[in-house]
Amino acid sequence: MAVVNRDPLTAPHRTRNDAFLTVGVAVLAVVLALLVDDGLPLGPRGWALLAGAHVPLVWRRSRPLLVLFAVAACVTPYHALDYNHAVPIPATLLALYTVAATGTVRRSLLTAVVVLGPTLIINSFTNPDGALELLRISGWVIAVLFFGVDARFYRQYVASIVERAERAERTREEEARRRVVEERLRIARDLHDLLAHSITLIGVRTSVAAHVLTTDPARLDRKAVAQALDDIAETCRTARGELRTALEVLRANEVSVSVGGEREWAAAPGSGPSSGSGLGSPDGRGPLPGLDGLGALAEAARVAGATVELSVHADGVPPSVGAAAYRIVQEALTNAVRHGGRDDLTVRVGLRAADGILRVTVADDGAGEGTGHGVSSAVRNGVGHGQGACGGPPGFGLLGMRERARSVGGTLDAGPGPTVGFEVTAELPLPREEPS
């Protein structure tokens, strides 16, 4: 079957294999010459013509038409001399099959006409009364040509199936690579959202504690230091709980595939089945935060020293959109705390659902020159761990927010405010309810 499926023009070792096949056909011709009596016995001239008809078969796949003409040039005088007519039949049929199997249907039809014409003419002279013989010769020629054309069509059909299978395999591999890249970006975005906010708050509070310890050791405010350290510990616990939740959701992706969609919410970290804050359990585990967690974000920013004005007018927001809005607000507050550049920083956070769109706005009045969130002089002066990101490599906060918005089909713009500060605006489409 592999031999039939292989293209004869590109098959490996085709000349060598055809040489072996030619030897086999020649042996068969000799056997027919010795055993079959269908004409005059072969003399030296007959054997020479017979050999001349077989030698070109070595190159039948390289030059099929030339080989057929060479065979015909030797076989025509052979039959005209009325030698044993059965002997050159295998070589002739092989040459005809090769032409049909390697060429077009039009060429095969022209070959049939060219071959049958001289054959019938010669047979009419050598055997005038052999009408049945004429039909037999014509039938064999047509059958061999038809078989060759059919083999070529079958070979093309198999080649098309193989090509489609290979193309499908390449498509699957490309799709798998694309999914791997998307999954890596999603995990990186989730980890950034989870850790950047908490680490920023830890840096601010650490700077506050370091400032209190170094400013006036004689009048040490132990209560302020203890409060700062408690805030750091609480932030660490919250971050650890959210990180554990995110990892559990990532692992749950495999489970969701096996249970047939019973846990579809686990397919997208940040889109839990509810929009809770994620702070309802002591260890911070549970659904990832949504709109209900914005209050906790605002409170954390207030503890860091910023004034946060929160306004939420949105009900019935899907978990995926709520999680995206939460992460956008979280990153925007983190950037405001890090880069506000003033002690009396004010951040206005607004969410409003209208006309099928959830509009998110986070605007601050910062100077944009802070070195660490500039909310306290300790941080702005770079004391302790309060060194900010200014002068360091650019982060991925804005890119992550845009990816969050795009993940739910929305858009996000970020840039300087109309007068002062920085403003982030996002529009997240809400799924339309199907009419009942």
Protein backbone atom coordinates (compact mmCIF):
# COMPACT_ATOMS: atom_id res chain seq x y z
CA MET A 1 0.00 0.00 0.00
CA ALA A 2 2.86 2.37 0.73
CA VAL A 3 4.21 1.73 -2.76
CA VAL A 4 0.87 2.68 -4.30
CA ASN A 5 0.54 5.83 -2.17
CA ARG A 6 4.04 7.07 -2.96
CA ASP A 7 4.46 9.52 -5.83
CA PRO A 8 6.34 7.59 -8.57
CA LEU A 9 8.15 10.72 -9.72
CA THR A 10 9.66 11.44 -6.29
CA ALA A 11 10.02 7.93 -4.88
CA PRO A 12 13.52 7.19 -3.50
CA HIS A 13 15.77 4.84 -5.49
CA ARG A 14 13.26 4.78 -8.34
CA THR A 15 15.87 4.06 -11.07
CA ARG A 16 17.38 1.18 -9.12
CA ASN A 17 13.97 -0.29 -8.37
CA ASP A 18 12.90 0.09 -12.00
CA ALA A 19 16.06 -1.73 -13.09
CA PHE A 20 15.08 -4.69 -10.91
CA LEU A 21 11.53 -4.51 -12.29
CA THR A 22 12.87 -4.44 -15.87
CA VAL A 23 14.89 -7.59 -15.21
CA GLY A 24 11.76 -9.31 -13.89
CA VAL A 25 9.70 -8.27 -16.93
CA ALA A 26 12.49 -9.46 -19.25
CA VAL A 27 12.59 -12.84 -17.52
CA LEU A 28 8.82 -13.09 -17.94
CA ALA A 29 9.19 -12.27 -21.65
CA VAL A 30 11.76 -15.02 -22.08
CA VAL A 31 9.47 -17.51 -20.34
CA LEU A 32 6.58 -16.51 -22.64
CA ALA A 33 8.86 -16.85 -25.71
CA LEU A 34 9.76 -20.37 -24.69
CA LEU A 35 6.33 -21.57 -23.58
CA VAL A 36 3.76 -19.70 -25.69
CA ASP A 37 3.33 -20.32 -29.40
CA ASP A 38 1.65 -17.19 -30.79
CA GLY A 39 3.60 -16.40 -33.94
CA LEU A 40 6.95 -17.07 -35.51
CA PRO A 41 9.80 -18.23 -33.27
CA LEU A 42 12.20 -15.48 -32.29
CA GLY A 43 15.36 -15.15 -34.32
CA PRO A 44 18.33 -12.84 -33.70
CA ARG A 45 16.37 -9.88 -35.03
CA GLY A 46 13.41 -10.70 -32.79
CA TRP A 47 15.56 -11.04 -29.68
CA ALA A 48 17.27 -7.72 -30.49
CA LEU A 49 13.95 -5.92 -30.86
CA LEU A 50 12.70 -7.55 -27.67
CA ALA A 51 15.78 -6.42 -25.75
CA GLY A 52 15.42 -2.91 -27.18
CA ALA A 53 11.82 -2.81 -25.92
CA HIS A 54 12.85 -3.73 -22.35
CA VAL A 55 16.00 -1.66 -21.74
CA PRO A 56 14.20 1.76 -21.75
CA LEU A 57 11.96 0.56 -18.91
CA VAL A 58 14.81 1.34 -16.47
CA TRP A 59 13.98 5.06 -16.90
CA ARG A 60 10.20 4.69 -17.17
CA ARG A 61 9.45 7.03 -14.22
CA SER A 62 12.02 9.66 -15.21
CA ARG A 63 10.91 9.94 -18.86
CA PRO A 64 7.61 8.05 -19.23
CA LEU A 65 6.66 9.37 -22.70
CA LEU A 66 10.13 8.85 -24.15
CA VAL A 67 10.20 5.33 -22.75
CA LEU A 68 6.79 4.59 -24.27
CA PHE A 69 7.95 5.83 -27.68
CA ALA A 70 11.14 3.79 -27.41
CA VAL A 71 9.16 0.67 -26.51
CA ALA A 72 6.71 1.33 -29.35
CA ALA A 73 9.60 1.87 -31.79
CA CYS A 74 10.86 -1.65 -31.01
CA VAL A 75 7.53 -3.41 -30.57
CA THR A 76 5.94 -2.11 -33.82
CA PRO A 77 8.45 -3.80 -36.20
CA TYR A 78 8.46 -6.81 -33.85
CA HIS A 79 4.73 -7.37 -34.41
CA ALA A 80 5.02 -6.43 -38.09
CA LEU A 81 7.49 -9.28 -38.54
CA ASP A 82 4.87 -11.57 -36.96
CA TYR A 83 7.07 -12.78 -34.13
CA ASN A 84 5.51 -14.25 -30.98
CA HIS A 85 2.92 -11.57 -30.17
CA ALA A 86 2.51 -12.49 -26.47
CA VAL A 87 6.15 -11.90 -25.54
CA PRO A 88 6.36 -8.02 -25.57
CA ILE A 89 2.93 -7.53 -23.97
CA PRO A 90 4.22 -7.12 -20.33
CA ALA A 91 6.73 -4.44 -21.34
CA THR A 92 4.12 -2.59 -23.41
CA LEU A 93 1.52 -2.66 -20.63
CA LEU A 94 4.08 -1.45 -18.08
CA ALA A 95 5.02 1.51 -20.28
CA LEU A 96 1.36 2.39 -20.83
CA TYR A 97 0.59 2.18 -17.09
CA THR A 98 3.53 4.48 -16.26
CA VAL A 99 2.33 7.14 -18.70
CA ALA A 100 -1.19 7.06 -17.23
CA ALA A 101 -0.02 6.98 -13.61
CA THR A 102 2.34 9.93 -13.97
CA GLY A 103 0.44 12.21 -16.36
CA THR A 104 -2.91 13.88 -16.86
CA VAL A 105 -6.12 12.36 -18.14
CA ARG A 106 -5.76 14.25 -21.41
CA ARG A 107 -2.31 12.80 -21.95
CA SER A 108 -3.61 9.34 -21.19
CA LEU A 109 -6.39 9.72 -23.78
CA LEU A 110 -3.96 10.95 -26.41
CA THR A 111 -1.67 8.05 -25.59
CA ALA A 112 -4.54 5.60 -26.05
CA VAL A 113 -5.27 7.04 -29.50
CA VAL A 114 -1.61 7.03 -30.54
CA VAL A 115 -1.05 3.46 -29.34
CA LEU A 116 -4.31 1.93 -30.54
CA GLY A 117 -4.06 3.43 -34.03
CA PRO A 118 -0.81 1.77 -35.16
CA THR A 119 -1.65 -1.38 -33.21
CA LEU A 120 -4.95 -1.86 -34.95
CA ILE A 121 -3.42 -1.03 -38.33
CA ILE A 122 -0.62 -3.57 -37.88
CA ASN A 123 -3.04 -6.21 -36.60
CA SER A 124 -5.30 -5.68 -39.62
CA PHE A 125 -2.40 -6.59 -41.90
CA THR A 126 -1.06 -9.52 -39.88
CA ASN A 127 -4.47 -10.92 -38.91
CA PRO A 128 -7.22 -9.62 -41.25
CA ASP A 129 -9.90 -11.92 -39.85
CA GLY A 130 -9.15 -11.30 -36.15
CA ALA A 131 -11.97 -8.92 -35.14
CA LEU A 132 -12.07 -10.53 -31.70
CA GLU A 133 -8.34 -10.01 -31.40
CA LEU A 134 -8.80 -6.30 -32.14
CA LEU A 135 -11.33 -5.99 -29.33
CA ARG A 136 -9.05 -7.86 -26.94
CA ILE A 137 -6.08 -5.59 -27.71
CA SER A 138 -8.17 -2.44 -27.38
CA GLY A 139 -9.65 -3.64 -24.11
CA TRP A 140 -6.24 -4.33 -22.61
CA VAL A 141 -4.86 -0.94 -23.62
CA ILE A 142 -7.88 0.94 -22.27
CA ALA A 143 -7.94 -1.11 -19.05
CA VAL A 144 -4.27 -0.47 -18.33
CA LEU A 145 -4.62 3.25 -18.98
CA PHE A 146 -7.72 3.42 -16.79
CA PHE A 147 -5.92 1.57 -14.00
CA GLY A 148 -3.02 4.02 -14.19
CA VAL A 149 -5.32 7.05 -14.06
CA ASP A 150 -7.21 5.55 -11.13
CA ALA A 151 -3.95 4.90 -9.26
CA ARG A 152 -2.92 8.51 -9.81
CA PHE A 153 -6.24 9.84 -8.49
CA TYR A 154 -6.04 7.57 -5.46
CA ARG A 155 -2.50 8.75 -4.78
CA GLN A 156 -3.61 12.39 -4.97
CA TYR A 157 -6.51 11.66 -2.62
CA VAL A 158 -4.21 10.07 -0.05
CA ALA A 159 -1.74 12.97 -0.39
CA SER A 160 -4.53 15.48 0.26
CA ILE A 161 -5.60 13.58 3.38
CA VAL A 162 -2.01 13.51 4.67
CA GLU A 163 -1.58 17.22 3.90
CA ARG A 164 -4.79 18.11 5.77
CA ALA A 165 -3.72 15.98 8.73
CA GLU A 166 -0.31 17.66 8.83
CA ARG A 167 -1.89 21.10 8.56
CA ALA A 168 -4.32 20.25 11.36
CA GLU A 169 -1.43 19.03 13.50
CA ARG A 170 0.49 22.25 12.87
CA THR A 171 -2.62 24.24 13.75
CA ARG A 172 -3.04 22.30 16.99
CA GLU A 173 0.59 22.88 17.91
CA GLU A 174 0.32 26.60 17.16
CA GLU A 175 -2.89 26.80 19.17
CA ALA A 176 -1.23 24.97 22.07
CA ARG A 177 1.73 27.36 21.99
CA ARG A 178 -0.62 30.35 21.87
CA ARG A 179 -2.58 29.04 24.84
CA VAL A 180 0.64 28.49 26.79
CA VAL A 181 1.71 32.08 26.13
CA GLU A 182 -1.73 33.40 27.12
CA GLU A 183 -1.70 31.29 30.28
CA ARG A 184 1.74 32.60 31.25
CA LEU A 185 0.59 36.18 30.73
CA ARG A 186 -2.56 35.55 32.75
CA ILE A 187 -0.64 34.02 35.65
CA ALA A 188 1.88 36.87 35.57
CA ARG A 189 -0.97 39.40 35.59
CA ASP A 190 -2.69 37.66 38.51
CA LEU A 191 0.48 37.48 40.58
CA HIS A 192 1.24 41.13 39.83
CA ASP A 193 -2.24 42.19 40.91
CA LEU A 194 -2.03 40.17 44.09
CA LEU A 195 1.44 41.18 45.20
CA ALA A 196 2.11 44.69 43.90
CA HIS A 197 -0.56 46.34 46.03
CA SER A 198 0.42 44.52 49.21
CA ILE A 199 4.15 45.03 48.72
CA THR A 200 3.59 48.75 48.13
CA LEU A 201 1.61 49.07 51.35
CA ILE A 202 4.26 47.10 53.23
CA GLY A 203 6.92 49.46 51.86
CA VAL A 204 4.97 52.53 52.94
CA ARG A 205 4.33 51.23 56.45
CA THR A 206 7.90 50.05 56.84
CA SER A 207 9.10 53.52 55.90
CA VAL A 208 6.75 55.03 58.47
CA ALA A 209 8.11 52.74 61.19
CA ALA A 210 11.70 53.46 60.19
CA HIS A 211 10.98 57.20 60.17
CA VAL A 212 9.48 57.05 63.68
CA LEU A 213 12.45 55.07 64.99
CA THR A 214 15.11 57.38 63.55
CA THR A 215 13.55 60.85 63.83
CA ASP A 216 13.55 61.25 67.62
CA PRO A 217 14.66 58.14 69.51
CA ALA A 218 14.29 59.91 72.85
CA ARG A 219 10.57 60.48 72.24
CA LEU A 220 9.83 57.16 70.60
CA ASP A 221 6.18 56.68 69.77
CA ARG A 222 5.92 52.98 70.53
CA LYS A 223 2.22 52.93 69.73
CA ALA A 224 2.83 54.28 66.20
CA VAL A 225 5.59 51.76 65.59
CA ALA A 226 3.45 48.91 66.89
CA GLN A 227 0.55 50.02 64.71
CA ALA A 228 2.77 50.16 61.64
CA LEU A 229 4.14 46.69 62.34
CA ASP A 230 0.62 45.34 62.93
CA ASP A 231 -0.47 46.83 59.62
CA ILE A 232 2.47 45.14 57.92
CA ALA A 233 1.58 41.79 59.47
CA GLU A 234 -2.06 42.16 58.46
CA THR A 235 -1.09 43.07 54.90
CA CYS A 236 1.18 40.02 54.74
CA ARG A 237 -1.61 37.75 55.94
CA THR A 238 -4.03 39.16 53.39
CA ALA A 239 -1.51 38.85 50.56
CA ARG A 240 -0.69 35.29 51.57
CA GLY A 241 -4.35 34.35 51.63
CA GLU A 242 -5.06 35.90 48.23
CA LEU A 243 -1.98 34.26 46.74
CA ARG A 244 -3.08 30.90 48.07
CA THR A 245 -6.55 31.46 46.65
CA ALA A 246 -5.12 32.33 43.23
CA LEU A 247 -2.94 29.22 43.23
CA GLU A 248 -5.90 27.06 44.22
CA VAL A 249 -7.96 28.53 41.38
CA LEU A 250 -5.14 27.87 38.91
CA ARG A 251 -4.95 24.26 40.04
CA ALA A 252 -8.74 24.00 39.86
CA ASN A 253 -8.56 24.56 36.08
CA GLU A 254 -7.65 20.89 35.65
CA VAL A 255 -10.53 19.87 37.91
CA SER A 256 -13.01 22.04 36.02
CA VAL A 257 -12.16 20.23 32.76
CA SER A 258 -12.75 16.82 34.31
CA VAL A 259 -16.08 17.66 35.95
CA GLY A 260 -17.59 18.98 32.73
CA GLY A 261 -17.97 22.64 33.60
CA GLU A 262 -19.37 22.31 37.13
CA ARG A 263 -16.75 24.84 38.26
CA GLU A 264 -16.64 27.18 35.31
CA TRP A 265 -15.75 30.11 37.52
CA ALA A 266 -12.37 28.54 38.17
CA ALA A 267 -11.37 28.92 34.54
CA ALA A 268 -10.48 32.57 35.00
CA PRO A 269 -8.62 33.70 38.11
CA GLY A 270 -10.22 36.84 39.37
CA SER A 271 -13.73 35.80 38.37
CA GLY A 272 -15.02 33.93 41.36
CA PRO A 273 -18.63 32.92 41.81
CA SER A 274 -19.32 35.95 43.96
CA SER A 275 -17.99 39.43 44.26
CA GLY A 276 -16.93 39.20 47.83
CA SER A 277 -13.89 40.89 49.17
CA GLY A 278 -12.03 37.74 49.93
CA LEU A 279 -11.53 38.91 53.49
CA GLY A 280 -14.49 37.15 55.00
CA SER A 281 -12.50 34.20 56.34
CA PRO A 282 -9.73 34.52 58.92
CA ASP A 283 -7.03 33.18 56.63
CA GLY A 284 -8.08 35.27 53.64
CA ARG A 285 -9.17 32.24 51.63
CA GLY A 286 -12.34 32.07 49.58
CA PRO A 287 -13.56 33.65 46.34
CA LEU A 288 -11.31 36.21 44.73
CA PRO A 289 -12.33 39.84 45.47
CA GLY A 290 -14.93 41.70 43.49
CA LEU A 291 -16.79 44.99 43.92
CA ASP A 292 -17.54 44.22 47.58
CA GLY A 293 -13.81 44.32 48.25
CA LEU A 294 -13.37 47.93 47.12
CA GLY A 295 -14.05 49.16 50.65
CA ALA A 296 -11.12 47.15 51.96
CA LEU A 297 -8.89 48.58 49.24
CA ALA A 298 -9.93 52.12 50.12
CA GLU A 299 -9.31 51.48 53.80
CA ALA A 300 -5.84 50.08 53.10
CA ALA A 301 -4.99 53.21 51.11
CA ARG A 302 -6.30 55.41 53.95
CA VAL A 303 -4.08 53.58 56.42
CA ALA A 304 -1.15 54.36 54.11
CA GLY A 305 -1.99 58.06 54.43
CA ALA A 306 -4.13 58.84 51.41
CA THR A 307 -7.65 60.23 51.46
CA VAL A 308 -9.89 57.97 49.42
CA GLU A 309 -13.38 58.99 48.26
CA LEU A 310 -15.24 55.87 47.12
CA SER A 311 -18.47 55.97 45.15
CA VAL A 312 -20.04 52.76 43.84
CA HIS A 313 -23.33 52.71 41.92
CA ALA A 314 -23.41 49.27 40.33
CA ASP A 315 -25.65 46.29 41.08
CA GLY A 316 -25.78 42.85 39.54
CA VAL A 317 -22.29 43.08 38.02
CA PRO A 318 -21.10 39.66 36.73
CA PRO A 319 -18.20 38.13 38.71
CA SER A 320 -15.75 38.38 35.79
CA VAL A 321 -16.43 42.09 35.24
CA GLY A 322 -16.43 42.75 38.99
CA ALA A 323 -13.07 41.04 39.40
CA ALA A 324 -11.59 43.03 36.49
CA ALA A 325 -12.89 46.30 37.98
CA TYR A 326 -11.50 45.36 41.39
CA ARG A 327 -8.03 44.66 39.98
CA ILE A 328 -8.05 47.90 37.98
CA VAL A 329 -8.94 49.92 41.08
CA GLN A 330 -6.37 48.02 43.13
CA GLU A 331 -3.56 48.76 40.67
CA ALA A 332 -4.64 52.39 40.25
CA LEU A 333 -4.64 52.92 44.03
CA THR A 334 -1.25 51.23 44.27
CA ASN A 335 0.19 53.58 41.66
CA ALA A 336 -1.38 56.58 43.37
CA VAL A 337 0.12 55.60 46.72
CA ARG A 338 3.53 55.00 45.17
CA HIS A 339 3.74 58.05 42.94
CA GLY A 340 1.43 60.63 44.48
CA GLY A 341 4.28 62.80 45.72
CA ARG A 342 2.39 64.68 48.46
CA ASP A 343 1.28 64.22 52.06
CA ASP A 344 -2.36 65.23 51.57
CA LEU A 345 -3.00 62.97 48.60
CA THR A 346 -6.66 62.53 47.65
CA VAL A 347 -7.88 59.72 45.42
CA ARG A 348 -11.39 59.65 44.01
CA VAL A 349 -12.71 56.21 43.01
CA GLY A 350 -16.00 55.97 41.16
CA LEU A 351 -17.88 53.03 39.63
CA ARG A 352 -21.19 53.48 37.82
CA ALA A 353 -23.18 51.02 35.74
CA ALA A 354 -25.30 52.57 32.99
CA ASP A 355 -26.35 51.69 29.44
CA GLY A 356 -24.82 48.24 29.68
CA ILE A 357 -21.36 49.57 30.62
CA LEU A 358 -19.54 49.68 33.95
CA ARG A 359 -17.49 52.89 34.03
CA VAL A 360 -14.53 52.89 36.43
CA THR A 361 -12.68 56.10 37.30
CA VAL A 362 -9.70 56.50 39.61
CA ALA A 363 -8.26 60.03 39.81
CA ASP A 364 -5.74 61.52 42.23
CA ASP A 365 -4.38 65.01 42.79
CA GLY A 366 -0.77 63.91 43.26
CA ALA A 367 2.23 65.78 41.94
CA GLY A 368 3.56 62.69 40.20
CA GLU A 369 7.03 63.17 41.63
CA GLY A 370 6.99 60.99 44.71
CA THR A 371 9.76 58.54 45.30
CA GLY A 372 7.78 56.03 47.15
CA HIS A 373 4.30 57.09 47.48
CA GLY A 374 4.95 60.34 48.91
CA VAL A 375 2.05 60.13 51.32
CA SER A 376 4.31 60.67 54.30
CA SER A 377 7.48 62.65 54.53
CA ALA A 378 9.27 59.53 55.66
CA VAL A 379 8.46 57.80 52.40
CA ARG A 380 9.12 60.89 50.29
CA ASN A 381 12.53 61.33 51.90
CA GLY A 382 13.43 57.73 51.10
CA VAL A 383 13.90 56.57 54.68
CA GLY A 384 14.17 52.84 55.29
CA HIS A 385 12.35 50.75 52.68
CA GLY A 386 10.26 53.55 51.32
CA GLN A 387 12.34 54.03 48.18
CA GLY A 388 9.95 54.18 45.30
CA ALA A 389 10.01 52.99 41.78
CA CYS A 390 11.12 56.28 40.27
CA GLY A 391 14.42 55.90 38.51
CA GLY A 392 13.99 52.14 38.40
CA PRO A 393 12.86 49.97 35.53
CA PRO A 394 9.29 50.54 34.28
CA GLY A 395 6.64 48.30 35.77
CA PHE A 396 3.71 46.42 34.26
CA GLY A 397 0.86 48.11 36.12
CA LEU A 398 -0.69 50.03 33.22
CA LEU A 399 -0.19 47.09 30.86
CA GLY A 400 -1.84 44.79 33.38
CA MET A 401 -4.82 47.12 33.78
CA ARG A 402 -5.32 47.30 30.03
CA GLU A 403 -5.13 43.51 29.79
CA ARG A 404 -7.70 43.24 32.58
CA ALA A 405 -10.06 45.52 30.69
CA ARG A 406 -9.53 43.66 27.40
CA SER A 407 -10.14 40.31 29.10
CA VAL A 408 -13.81 41.26 29.52
CA GLY A 409 -14.08 43.14 26.22
CA GLY A 410 -13.52 46.62 27.67
CA THR A 411 -11.12 49.51 27.17
CA LEU A 412 -8.90 51.53 29.50
CA ASP A 413 -7.25 54.93 29.26
CA ALA A 414 -4.64 56.30 31.65
CA GLY A 415 -2.87 59.64 31.70
CA PRO A 416 -2.47 62.98 33.45
CA GLY A 417 -5.63 64.49 34.91
CA PRO A 418 -7.33 67.60 33.49
CA THR A 419 -5.52 69.87 35.96
CA VAL A 420 -3.31 67.88 38.31
CA GLY A 421 -2.58 64.32 39.25
CA PHE A 422 -3.24 61.14 37.29
CA GLU A 423 -6.48 59.59 36.07
CA VAL A 424 -7.43 56.07 35.05
CA THR A 425 -10.75 55.45 33.28
CA ALA A 426 -12.12 52.12 32.10
CA GLU A 427 -15.31 51.06 30.37
CA LEU A 428 -16.27 47.42 30.89
CA PRO A 429 -19.28 46.06 28.97
CA LEU A 430 -21.94 44.27 30.97
CA PRO A 431 -23.63 41.20 29.45
CA ARG A 432 -27.12 41.99 28.23
CA GLU A 433 -29.90 39.94 29.74
CA GLU A 434 -31.77 37.80 27.26
CA PRO A 435 -35.48 38.69 27.03
CA SER A 436 -37.67 36.00 28.51
